[in-house]
């Protein structure tokens, strides 16, 4: 799915749009790392990894949906899968785990 550039009227600056596009492109180009959570071993898909990175940048689910060209409901579903795979209790915990496990820089 191609990322849709958010409209300027949505409150994002040109610099923020560029950062989003760059983060999404980076997430798509990289090999997706394995995540070990307890006895579970899960592989993050492209959408989950991009959502984790954009969440780490401080973006809300609404902003991520706009940046990725998806619905808010779809973004929230991706975030729920991400939390489950990482074993996190909330988005902040997922970001912390992402840094600890080398998913984020």
Protein backbone atom coordinates (compact mmCIF):
# COMPACT_ATOMS: atom_id res chain seq x y z
CA UNK A 1 0.00 0.00 0.00
CA UNK A 2 1.47 3.34 -1.00
CA UNK A 3 1.65 6.05 1.63
CA UNK A 4 -0.60 8.98 0.96
CA UNK A 5 0.90 12.37 1.68
CA UNK A 6 -1.19 14.25 4.23
CA UNK A 7 -2.72 17.49 3.10
CA UNK A 8 -1.17 20.69 4.51
CA UNK A 9 -4.60 21.64 5.87
CA UNK A 10 -4.39 18.66 8.25
CA UNK A 11 -1.98 20.56 10.51
CA UNK A 12 1.31 18.93 9.48
CA UNK A 13 4.22 21.05 8.35
CA UNK A 14 6.24 20.20 5.25
CA UNK A 15 9.08 19.03 7.52
CA UNK A 16 6.73 16.73 9.46
CA UNK A 17 5.37 15.26 6.23
CA UNK A 18 8.91 14.62 5.01
CA UNK A 19 9.85 12.90 8.30
CA UNK A 20 6.76 10.69 8.03
CA UNK A 21 7.48 9.74 4.45
CA UNK A 22 11.10 8.98 5.35
CA UNK A 23 10.14 6.85 8.35
CA UNK A 24 7.64 4.87 6.30
CA UNK A 25 10.15 4.35 3.48
CA UNK A 26 12.82 3.21 5.94
CA UNK A 27 10.41 0.74 7.53
CA UNK A 28 9.55 -0.75 4.15
CA UNK A 29 13.18 -1.08 3.00
CA UNK A 30 14.60 -2.75 6.09
CA UNK A 31 14.49 -6.42 6.92
CA UNK A 32 11.86 -6.92 9.55
CA UNK A 33 13.49 -8.06 12.80
CA UNK A 34 12.18 -10.86 14.96
CA UNK A 35 10.76 -9.92 18.31
CA UNK A 36 11.01 -12.28 21.25
CA UNK A 37 8.44 -11.72 23.99
CA UNK A 38 8.48 -14.39 26.68
CA UNK A 39 7.95 -17.68 24.88
CA UNK A 40 6.28 -15.98 21.91
CA UNK A 41 8.32 -15.26 18.82
CA UNK A 42 6.65 -12.84 16.48
CA UNK A 43 7.72 -11.10 13.30
CA UNK A 44 6.56 -7.52 12.93
CA UNK A 45 5.07 -6.75 9.55
CA UNK A 46 5.76 -3.53 7.66
CA UNK A 47 2.67 -1.75 8.97
CA UNK A 48 3.45 -2.67 12.58
CA UNK A 49 7.06 -1.53 12.33
CA UNK A 50 6.09 1.75 10.63
CA UNK A 51 3.42 2.34 13.29
CA UNK A 52 5.95 1.68 16.05
CA UNK A 53 8.42 4.14 14.52
CA UNK A 54 5.82 6.84 13.99
CA UNK A 55 4.53 6.32 17.54
CA UNK A 56 8.10 6.77 18.79
CA UNK A 57 8.17 10.08 16.90
CA UNK A 58 5.26 11.21 19.08
CA UNK A 59 2.48 10.84 16.52
CA UNK A 60 -1.10 10.09 17.51
CA UNK A 61 -3.07 7.29 15.89
CA UNK A 62 -4.92 9.90 13.83
CA UNK A 63 -1.67 11.40 12.52
CA UNK A 64 -0.31 7.95 11.70
CA UNK A 65 -3.51 7.11 9.81
CA UNK A 66 -3.19 10.32 7.77
CA UNK A 67 0.49 9.71 7.08
CA UNK A 68 0.01 6.10 6.02
CA UNK A 69 -3.20 6.68 4.09
CA UNK A 70 -5.25 4.32 6.24
CA UNK A 71 -8.29 4.73 8.43
CA UNK A 72 -8.08 5.48 12.13
CA UNK A 73 -9.73 2.12 12.82
CA UNK A 74 -7.10 0.33 10.70
CA UNK A 75 -4.27 2.12 12.47
CA UNK A 76 -5.69 1.22 15.86
CA UNK A 77 -5.98 -2.43 14.77
CA UNK A 78 -2.32 -2.42 13.69
CA UNK A 79 -1.34 -0.87 17.03
CA UNK A 80 -3.29 -3.56 18.95
CA UNK A 81 -1.47 -6.31 17.01
CA UNK A 82 1.83 -4.57 17.69
CA UNK A 83 1.14 -4.35 21.43
CA UNK A 84 0.19 -8.02 21.51
CA UNK A 85 3.30 -9.15 19.63
CA UNK A 86 5.62 -7.09 21.83
CA UNK A 87 3.78 -7.96 25.04
CA UNK A 88 3.29 -4.25 25.78
CA UNK A 89 0.48 -2.74 27.84
CA UNK A 90 0.31 0.59 25.97
CA UNK A 91 1.96 2.57 23.18
CA UNK A 92 4.62 4.09 25.45
CA UNK A 93 5.56 0.62 26.68
CA UNK A 94 5.75 -0.63 23.08
CA UNK A 95 8.15 2.20 22.19
CA UNK A 96 10.33 1.41 25.21
CA UNK A 97 10.40 -2.28 24.27
CA UNK A 98 11.16 -1.33 20.67
CA UNK A 99 14.26 0.58 21.80
CA UNK A 100 15.37 -2.21 24.13
CA UNK A 101 15.04 -4.85 21.43
CA UNK A 102 16.79 -2.83 18.75
CA UNK A 103 13.70 -2.21 16.64
CA UNK A 104 14.14 1.55 17.05
CA UNK A 105 17.26 3.70 17.02
